């Protein structure tokens, strides 16, 4: 049941928007409906938050890989360009 609950939550709320407050609220709602027992509450909350964190890490890694593959500049790349541009502008003045 926990796996199904976890998958549903990740799909329903979005993997990156899992705050302890939202997860707690969801688990409390499931307890009210009788779909989750009170003694499993904290375990369910911790597992759902951990699953959201893992999903976020995977997404960030995928985005970094795609940006690298496409050759898009990173923030650091743009910062170096801005520094070089500022230095050139200063020399021209």
C-alpha atoms as a PDB file:
ATOM      1  CA  UNK A   1       0.000   0.000   0.000  1.00  0.00           C
ATOM      2  CA  UNK A   2       2.842   2.405   0.785  1.00  0.00           C
ATOM      3  CA  UNK A   3       4.279   2.058  -2.715  1.00  0.00           C
ATOM      4  CA  UNK A   4       0.939   2.835  -4.295  1.00  0.00           C
ATOM      5  CA  UNK A   5       0.393   5.766  -1.953  1.00  0.00           C
ATOM      6  CA  UNK A   6       3.882   7.095  -2.685  1.00  0.00           C
ATOM      7  CA  UNK A   7       3.420   6.858  -6.451  1.00  0.00           C
ATOM      8  CA  UNK A   8       0.024   8.524  -6.293  1.00  0.00           C
ATOM      9  CA  UNK A   9       1.312  11.322  -4.151  1.00  0.00           C
ATOM     10  CA  UNK A  10       4.308  11.966  -6.357  1.00  0.00           C
ATOM     11  CA  UNK A  11       2.116  12.092  -9.425  1.00  0.00           C
ATOM     12  CA  UNK A  12      -0.614  14.131  -7.775  1.00  0.00           C
ATOM     13  CA  UNK A  13       1.432  16.757  -5.971  1.00  0.00           C
ATOM     14  CA  UNK A  14       4.525  16.828  -8.091  1.00  0.00           C
ATOM     15  CA  UNK A  15       7.814  15.430  -6.871  1.00  0.00           C
ATOM     16  CA  UNK A  16       9.342  18.831  -6.240  1.00  0.00           C
ATOM     17  CA  UNK A  17       6.559  20.254  -4.111  1.00  0.00           C
ATOM     18  CA  UNK A  18       6.670  17.905  -1.136  1.00  0.00           C
ATOM     19  CA  UNK A  19       6.803  19.891   2.064  1.00  0.00           C
ATOM     20  CA  UNK A  20       6.386  18.254   5.459  1.00  0.00           C
ATOM     21  CA  UNK A  21       3.193  20.263   5.952  1.00  0.00           C
ATOM     22  CA  UNK A  22       1.599  19.054   2.701  1.00  0.00           C
ATOM     23  CA  UNK A  23       2.622  15.455   3.254  1.00  0.00           C
ATOM     24  CA  UNK A  24       1.362  15.538   6.833  1.00  0.00           C
ATOM     25  CA  UNK A  25      -1.934  16.955   5.630  1.00  0.00           C
ATOM     26  CA  UNK A  26      -2.274  14.233   2.998  1.00  0.00           C
ATOM     27  CA  UNK A  27      -1.470  11.442   5.453  1.00  0.00           C
ATOM     28  CA  UNK A  28      -3.917  12.902   7.988  1.00  0.00           C
ATOM     29  CA  UNK A  29      -6.599  12.900   5.285  1.00  0.00           C
ATOM     30  CA  UNK A  30      -5.865   9.247   4.521  1.00  0.00           C
ATOM     31  CA  UNK A  31      -6.141   8.437   8.231  1.00  0.00           C
ATOM     32  CA  UNK A  32      -9.566  10.112   8.321  1.00  0.00           C
ATOM     33  CA  UNK A  33     -10.667   8.011   5.352  1.00  0.00           C
ATOM     34  CA  UNK A  34      -9.387   4.871   7.014  1.00  0.00           C
ATOM     35  CA  UNK A  35      -6.807   4.232   4.336  1.00  0.00           C
ATOM     36  CA  UNK A  36      -3.875   4.675   6.704  1.00  0.00           C
ATOM     37  CA  UNK A  37      -3.566   3.794  10.361  1.00  0.00           C
ATOM     38  CA  UNK A  38      -2.440   6.369  12.896  1.00  0.00           C
ATOM     39  CA  UNK A  39       0.564   4.352  14.078  1.00  0.00           C
ATOM     40  CA  UNK A  40       2.018   4.376  10.549  1.00  0.00           C
ATOM     41  CA  UNK A  41       1.635   8.153  10.212  1.00  0.00           C
ATOM     42  CA  UNK A  42       5.218   9.261  10.919  1.00  0.00           C
ATOM     43  CA  UNK A  43       6.712   6.441   8.865  1.00  0.00           C
ATOM     44  CA  UNK A  44       4.496   7.346   5.922  1.00  0.00           C
ATOM     45  CA  UNK A  45       5.400  11.036   6.186  1.00  0.00           C
ATOM     46  CA  UNK A  46       9.130  10.307   6.319  1.00  0.00           C
ATOM     47  CA  UNK A  47       8.952   7.850   3.413  1.00  0.00           C
ATOM     48  CA  UNK A  48       7.006  10.261   1.230  1.00  0.00           C
ATOM     49  CA  UNK A  49       9.391  13.123   1.952  1.00  0.00           C
ATOM     50  CA  UNK A  50      12.377  10.905   1.192  1.00  0.00           C
ATOM     51  CA  UNK A  51      10.783   9.778  -2.071  1.00  0.00           C
ATOM     52  CA  UNK A  52      10.227  13.404  -3.057  1.00  0.00           C
ATOM     53  CA  UNK A  53      13.842  14.252  -2.258  1.00  0.00           C
ATOM     54  CA  UNK A  54      15.105  11.337  -4.366  1.00  0.00           C
ATOM     55  CA  UNK A  55      12.874  12.388  -7.256  1.00  0.00           C
ATOM     56  CA  UNK A  56      14.166  15.956  -7.009  1.00  0.00           C
ATOM     57  CA  UNK A  57      17.780  14.752  -7.063  1.00  0.00           C
ATOM     58  CA  UNK A  58      17.111  12.590 -10.127  1.00  0.00           C
ATOM     59  CA  UNK A  59      15.424  15.498 -11.894  1.00  0.00           C
ATOM     60  CA  UNK A  60      18.305  17.861 -11.127  1.00  0.00           C
ATOM     61  CA  UNK A  61      20.836  15.299 -12.412  1.00  0.00           C
ATOM     62  CA  UNK A  62      18.814  14.799 -15.595  1.00  0.00           C
ATOM     63  CA  UNK A  63      18.537  18.532 -16.196  1.00  0.00           C
ATOM     64  CA  UNK A  64      22.291  19.007 -15.652  1.00  0.00           C
ATOM     65  CA  UNK A  65      23.028  16.179 -18.092  1.00  0.00           C
ATOM     66  CA  UNK A  66      20.686  17.594 -20.759  1.00  0.00           C
ATOM     67  CA  UNK A  67      22.099  21.106 -20.372  1.00  0.00           C
ATOM     68  CA  UNK A  68      25.589  19.661 -20.800  1.00  0.00           C
ATOM     69  CA  UNK A  69      24.575  17.648 -23.847  1.00  0.00           C
ATOM     70  CA  UNK A  70      22.965  20.664 -25.493  1.00  0.00           C
ATOM     71  CA  UNK A  71      25.971  22.842 -24.777  1.00  0.00           C
ATOM     72  CA  UNK A  72      23.885  25.455 -22.971  1.00  0.00           C
ATOM     73  CA  UNK A  73      25.827  27.868 -20.766  1.00  0.00           C
ATOM     74  CA  UNK A  74      25.585  27.428 -17.011  1.00  0.00           C
ATOM     75  CA  UNK A  75      25.243  30.245 -14.467  1.00  0.00           C
ATOM     76  CA  UNK A  76      28.975  29.993 -13.865  1.00  0.00           C
ATOM     77  CA  UNK A  77      29.662  30.309 -17.604  1.00  0.00           C
ATOM     78  CA  UNK A  78      27.482  33.415 -17.832  1.00  0.00           C
ATOM     79  CA  UNK A  79      29.108  34.926 -14.741  1.00  0.00           C
ATOM     80  CA  UNK A  80      32.585  34.487 -16.295  1.00  0.00           C
ATOM     81  CA  UNK A  81      31.375  36.138 -19.520  1.00  0.00           C
ATOM     82  CA  UNK A  82      29.895  39.049 -17.568  1.00  0.00           C
ATOM     83  CA  UNK A  83      33.185  39.517 -15.701  1.00  0.00           C
ATOM     84  CA  UNK A  84      35.146  39.501 -18.950  1.00  0.00           C
ATOM     85  CA  UNK A  85      32.703  41.953 -20.525  1.00  0.00           C
ATOM     86  CA  UNK A  86      32.940  44.277 -17.550  1.00  0.00           C
ATOM     87  CA  UNK A  87      36.750  44.159 -17.713  1.00  0.00           C
ATOM     88  CA  UNK A  88      36.698  44.953 -21.451  1.00  0.00           C
ATOM     89  CA  UNK A  89      34.252  47.829 -20.907  1.00  0.00           C
ATOM     90  CA  UNK A  90      36.527  49.218 -18.207  1.00  0.00           C
ATOM     91  CA  UNK A  91      39.545  49.087 -20.555  1.00  0.00           C
ATOM     92  CA  UNK A  92      37.604  50.960 -23.246  1.00  0.00           C
ATOM     93  CA  UNK A  93      36.752  53.848 -20.909  1.00  0.00           C
END
